[in-house]
Amino acid sequence: MASAVIDTKLCFCIAVLCLVSVFCCGLGNAEGDVPQFGEEGGVHEPGTGEEGEFSDPSQIVAKALLCFNDKYIYKSCEESYRLDQSGDLHVPPEHTLEYCTGPCLRETNLVLDCIDGVLIHFLFYNRATIKDVRDTIHAGCSYGPERGHFDVAEHIAAEEAGARRVASQILIQLGLIFAGRLLFLGHVKYNAVHVLQVRFLGRLHAPDATVWYSEPRSGLG
């Protein structure tokens, strides 16, 4: 009985650990499963969303790319600081104040709004989304530890690593909680079985208190 309980606990613990390992590995490889379309691999068009008056994906992409060269958007920002199809922001740390308080920040946001208005799901050549670029700009212009860092690829890698780390910790904690509960229940069950066995054996070997047998005394009666 005790060995069966222990085997059950061991099998459950192994199953939980295997489940945690599979989820962790799956999260680590999730970014490699993103489908891409287009010759340059820069645009992700899943076939849904608002496409306006254009039905051909190539026309939609071409219209979105026009946002980078729209003379009514980029007018005052220095050309070396402008966002392009690569998705990179070439802003030196020493020019952070100039970029964040000058026309570049406003015009870059207008470019992102323009792209988002044409194509909902847009990937730059570095696989960054519009949200990734916005988040990088927000962090680079903040007064926190990331101020002055406008490396979009580095920002994406840090976000993905943090998400995987948090998910792994949650899965491990859940596995430990379930394993601990099973071990506790198994321990309680083992103790209960052990008590029943002791009581049963005690009754089996104890003399019957209701039956008395006495030899007749010699010389009496």
Protein backbone atom coordinates (compact mmCIF):
# COMPACT_ATOMS: atom_id res chain seq x y z
CA MET A 1 0.00 0.00 0.00
CA ALA A 2 2.76 2.43 0.96
CA SER A 3 4.75 1.67 -2.19
CA ALA A 4 1.70 2.35 -4.35
CA VAL A 5 1.24 5.77 -2.75
CA ILE A 6 4.91 6.61 -3.26
CA ASP A 7 4.81 5.46 -6.90
CA THR A 8 1.77 7.66 -7.54
CA LYS A 9 3.48 10.71 -6.05
CA LEU A 10 6.64 10.06 -8.04
CA CYS A 11 4.75 9.71 -11.32
CA PHE A 12 2.83 12.92 -10.70
CA CYS A 13 6.00 14.86 -9.87
CA ILE A 14 7.68 13.60 -13.05
CA ALA A 15 4.63 14.58 -15.12
CA VAL A 16 4.61 18.09 -13.64
CA LEU A 17 8.31 18.59 -14.31
CA CYS A 18 7.92 17.37 -17.89
CA LEU A 19 5.01 19.79 -18.41
CA VAL A 20 7.06 22.69 -17.08
CA SER A 21 9.97 21.78 -19.36
CA VAL A 22 7.75 21.58 -22.43
CA PHE A 23 6.14 24.97 -21.73
CA CYS A 24 9.49 26.64 -21.06
CA CYS A 25 11.03 25.28 -24.26
CA GLY A 26 7.95 26.25 -26.23
CA LEU A 27 8.14 29.82 -24.96
CA GLY A 28 11.79 30.01 -25.89
CA ASN A 29 11.06 29.06 -29.50
CA ALA A 30 7.83 30.98 -29.94
CA GLU A 31 9.38 33.89 -31.81
CA GLY A 32 10.56 31.64 -34.62
CA ASP A 33 7.02 30.71 -35.62
CA VAL A 34 5.85 34.14 -36.81
CA PRO A 35 4.70 34.00 -40.46
CA GLN A 36 5.98 36.69 -42.80
CA PHE A 37 5.00 37.81 -46.26
CA GLY A 38 6.65 40.04 -48.83
CA GLU A 39 9.93 39.93 -50.71
CA GLU A 40 11.91 41.63 -47.95
CA GLY A 41 10.15 39.84 -45.10
CA GLY A 42 9.36 43.20 -43.62
CA VAL A 43 5.59 43.12 -43.66
CA HIS A 44 3.28 40.70 -41.92
CA GLU A 45 -0.09 40.62 -43.67
CA PRO A 46 -2.33 37.96 -42.11
CA GLY A 47 -5.20 38.61 -44.50
CA THR A 48 -7.47 40.33 -42.01
CA GLY A 49 -7.98 43.90 -40.92
CA GLU A 50 -8.81 47.14 -42.61
CA GLU A 51 -7.22 47.51 -46.02
CA GLY A 52 -9.01 50.63 -47.20
CA GLU A 53 -9.46 51.02 -50.93
CA PHE A 54 -6.63 48.64 -51.80
CA SER A 55 -7.19 44.89 -52.10
CA ASP A 56 -3.77 43.87 -53.44
CA PRO A 57 -1.31 43.31 -50.55
CA SER A 58 1.54 44.77 -52.59
CA GLN A 59 -0.41 48.01 -53.05
CA ILE A 60 -1.13 48.15 -49.32
CA VAL A 61 2.55 47.68 -48.51
CA ALA A 62 3.57 50.29 -51.06
CA LYS A 63 1.17 52.81 -49.58
CA ALA A 64 2.46 52.10 -46.07
CA LEU A 65 6.05 52.60 -47.20
CA LEU A 66 5.15 56.01 -48.61
CA CYS A 67 4.72 57.21 -45.02
CA PHE A 68 8.50 57.19 -44.57
CA ASN A 69 9.00 59.66 -47.42
CA ASP A 70 5.94 61.83 -46.94
CA LYS A 71 7.21 65.40 -47.19
CA TYR A 72 4.21 66.60 -45.21
CA ILE A 73 5.27 64.45 -42.24
CA TYR A 74 9.04 64.61 -42.12
CA LYS A 75 9.86 68.29 -42.48
CA SER A 76 12.06 69.41 -39.60
CA CYS A 77 13.63 66.23 -38.18
CA GLU A 78 17.25 65.68 -39.12
CA GLU A 79 17.50 62.95 -41.74
CA SER A 80 19.95 60.81 -39.75
CA TYR A 81 17.42 60.56 -36.91
CA ARG A 82 14.47 59.62 -39.08
CA LEU A 83 12.77 56.24 -38.83
CA ASP A 84 12.89 54.12 -41.99
CA GLN A 85 11.87 50.65 -43.16
CA SER A 86 14.70 49.04 -41.18
CA GLY A 87 12.95 49.86 -37.91
CA ASP A 88 16.16 51.23 -36.39
CA LEU A 89 16.45 54.52 -34.53
CA HIS A 90 19.88 56.07 -34.95
CA VAL A 91 19.75 58.49 -32.06
CA PRO A 92 23.03 58.96 -30.14
CA PRO A 93 22.61 59.10 -26.34
CA GLU A 94 24.09 62.58 -26.20
CA HIS A 95 21.30 63.85 -28.49
CA THR A 96 18.47 62.37 -26.41
CA LEU A 97 17.19 65.73 -25.18
CA GLU A 98 17.23 67.18 -28.68
CA TYR A 99 15.35 64.20 -30.10
CA CYS A 100 12.75 63.90 -27.35
CA THR A 101 11.93 67.61 -27.10
CA GLY A 102 12.33 68.58 -30.74
CA PRO A 103 10.34 67.93 -33.92
CA CYS A 104 11.78 64.42 -34.45
CA LEU A 105 9.67 62.81 -31.76
CA ARG A 106 6.46 64.39 -33.04
CA GLU A 107 7.19 63.57 -36.69
CA THR A 108 8.23 59.98 -35.90
CA ASN A 109 4.92 59.44 -34.11
CA LEU A 110 3.13 60.84 -37.16
CA VAL A 111 4.94 58.33 -39.37
CA LEU A 112 3.90 55.48 -37.09
CA ASP A 113 0.31 56.74 -37.11
CA CYS A 114 0.41 56.91 -40.90
CA ILE A 115 1.63 53.31 -41.21
CA ASP A 116 -0.86 52.05 -38.65
CA GLY A 117 -3.67 53.74 -40.55
CA VAL A 118 -2.77 51.87 -43.74
CA LEU A 119 -1.70 48.46 -42.43
CA ILE A 120 -2.68 47.21 -38.99
CA HIS A 121 0.03 44.56 -38.71
CA PHE A 122 3.33 45.92 -39.98
CA LEU A 123 6.78 44.45 -39.41
CA PHE A 124 9.93 46.41 -40.05
CA TYR A 125 12.97 44.66 -41.52
CA ASN A 126 14.29 44.03 -37.99
CA ARG A 127 10.98 42.24 -37.15
CA ALA A 128 9.86 45.10 -34.91
CA THR A 129 6.21 46.07 -34.75
CA ILE A 130 4.86 49.59 -34.48
CA LYS A 131 4.30 49.00 -30.78
CA ASP A 132 7.91 47.87 -30.35
CA VAL A 133 9.16 51.12 -31.88
CA ARG A 134 6.79 53.21 -29.77
CA ASP A 135 7.85 51.39 -26.60
CA THR A 136 11.52 51.89 -27.43
CA ILE A 137 11.01 55.61 -28.00
CA HIS A 138 9.03 55.91 -24.78
CA ALA A 139 11.77 54.14 -22.80
CA GLY A 140 14.55 56.12 -24.49
CA CYS A 141 12.88 59.44 -23.73
CA SER A 142 11.97 58.51 -20.17
CA TYR A 143 14.01 59.50 -17.14
CA GLY A 144 14.54 55.90 -16.05
CA PRO A 145 17.53 53.60 -16.55
CA GLU A 146 16.72 53.14 -20.27
CA ARG A 147 16.92 56.83 -21.12
CA GLY A 148 19.10 57.43 -24.16
CA HIS A 149 18.88 53.81 -25.37
CA PHE A 150 17.07 53.70 -28.72
CA ASP A 151 18.19 50.25 -29.88
CA VAL A 152 14.89 48.69 -30.97
CA ALA A 153 16.28 45.15 -31.39
CA GLU A 154 17.86 45.25 -27.94
CA HIS A 155 14.61 46.49 -26.44
CA ILE A 156 12.66 43.64 -28.08
CA ALA A 157 15.17 41.04 -26.86
CA ALA A 158 14.94 42.37 -23.31
CA GLU A 159 11.13 42.33 -23.38
CA GLU A 160 11.01 38.76 -24.72
CA ALA A 161 13.57 37.54 -22.19
CA GLY A 162 11.61 39.13 -19.36
CA ALA A 163 8.34 37.60 -20.56
CA ARG A 164 9.90 34.13 -20.83
CA ARG A 165 11.46 34.49 -17.39
CA VAL A 166 8.16 35.46 -15.77
CA ALA A 167 6.25 32.68 -17.54
CA SER A 168 8.86 30.10 -16.54
CA GLN A 169 8.73 31.19 -12.91
CA ILE A 170 4.93 30.98 -12.88
CA LEU A 171 4.95 27.48 -14.36
CA ILE A 172 7.61 26.27 -11.95
CA GLN A 173 5.74 27.69 -8.98
CA LEU A 174 2.50 26.05 -10.11
CA GLY A 175 4.31 22.75 -10.52
CA LEU A 176 5.82 22.99 -7.06
CA ILE A 177 2.43 23.87 -5.54
CA PHE A 178 0.73 20.85 -7.12
CA ALA A 179 3.63 18.57 -6.24
CA GLY A 180 3.61 19.81 -2.65
CA ARG A 181 -0.12 19.27 -2.31
CA LEU A 182 0.18 15.76 -3.69
CA LEU A 183 3.04 14.93 -1.34
CA PHE A 184 1.02 16.25 1.60
CA LEU A 185 -2.09 14.28 0.63
CA GLY A 186 -0.01 11.18 0.06
CA HIS A 187 1.62 11.58 3.47
CA VAL A 188 -1.78 11.95 5.15
CA LYS A 189 -3.12 8.93 3.29
CA TYR A 190 -0.06 6.86 4.22
CA ASN A 191 -0.45 7.77 7.90
CA ALA A 192 -4.14 6.86 7.84
CA VAL A 193 -3.43 3.49 6.24
CA HIS A 194 -0.65 2.85 8.74
CA VAL A 195 -2.97 3.59 11.68
CA LEU A 196 -5.62 1.25 10.30
CA GLN A 197 -3.05 -1.48 9.84
CA VAL A 198 -1.82 -1.10 13.42
CA ARG A 199 -5.36 -1.21 14.78
CA PHE A 200 -6.24 -4.23 12.70
CA LEU A 201 -3.15 -6.16 13.75
CA GLY A 202 -3.72 -5.16 17.37
CA ARG A 203 -7.23 -6.54 17.33
CA LEU A 204 -6.09 -9.67 15.53
CA HIS A 205 -3.48 -10.62 18.15
CA ALA A 206 -5.28 -9.33 21.27
CA PRO A 207 -7.18 -11.89 23.50
CA ASP A 208 -10.95 -11.79 23.27
CA ALA A 209 -12.12 -9.98 26.38
CA THR A 210 -15.60 -11.48 26.15
CA VAL A 211 -14.55 -15.12 26.32
CA TRP A 212 -13.26 -16.49 29.61
CA TYR A 213 -12.19 -20.04 30.18
CA SER A 214 -11.23 -21.36 33.59
CA GLU A 215 -10.20 -24.82 34.70
CA PRO A 216 -12.32 -26.35 37.47
CA ARG A 217 -10.56 -26.28 40.78
CA SER A 218 -9.65 -29.69 42.04
CA GLY A 219 -10.88 -30.77 45.42
CA LEU A 220 -13.85 -28.49 45.45
CA GLY A 221 -17.49 -29.23 45.19
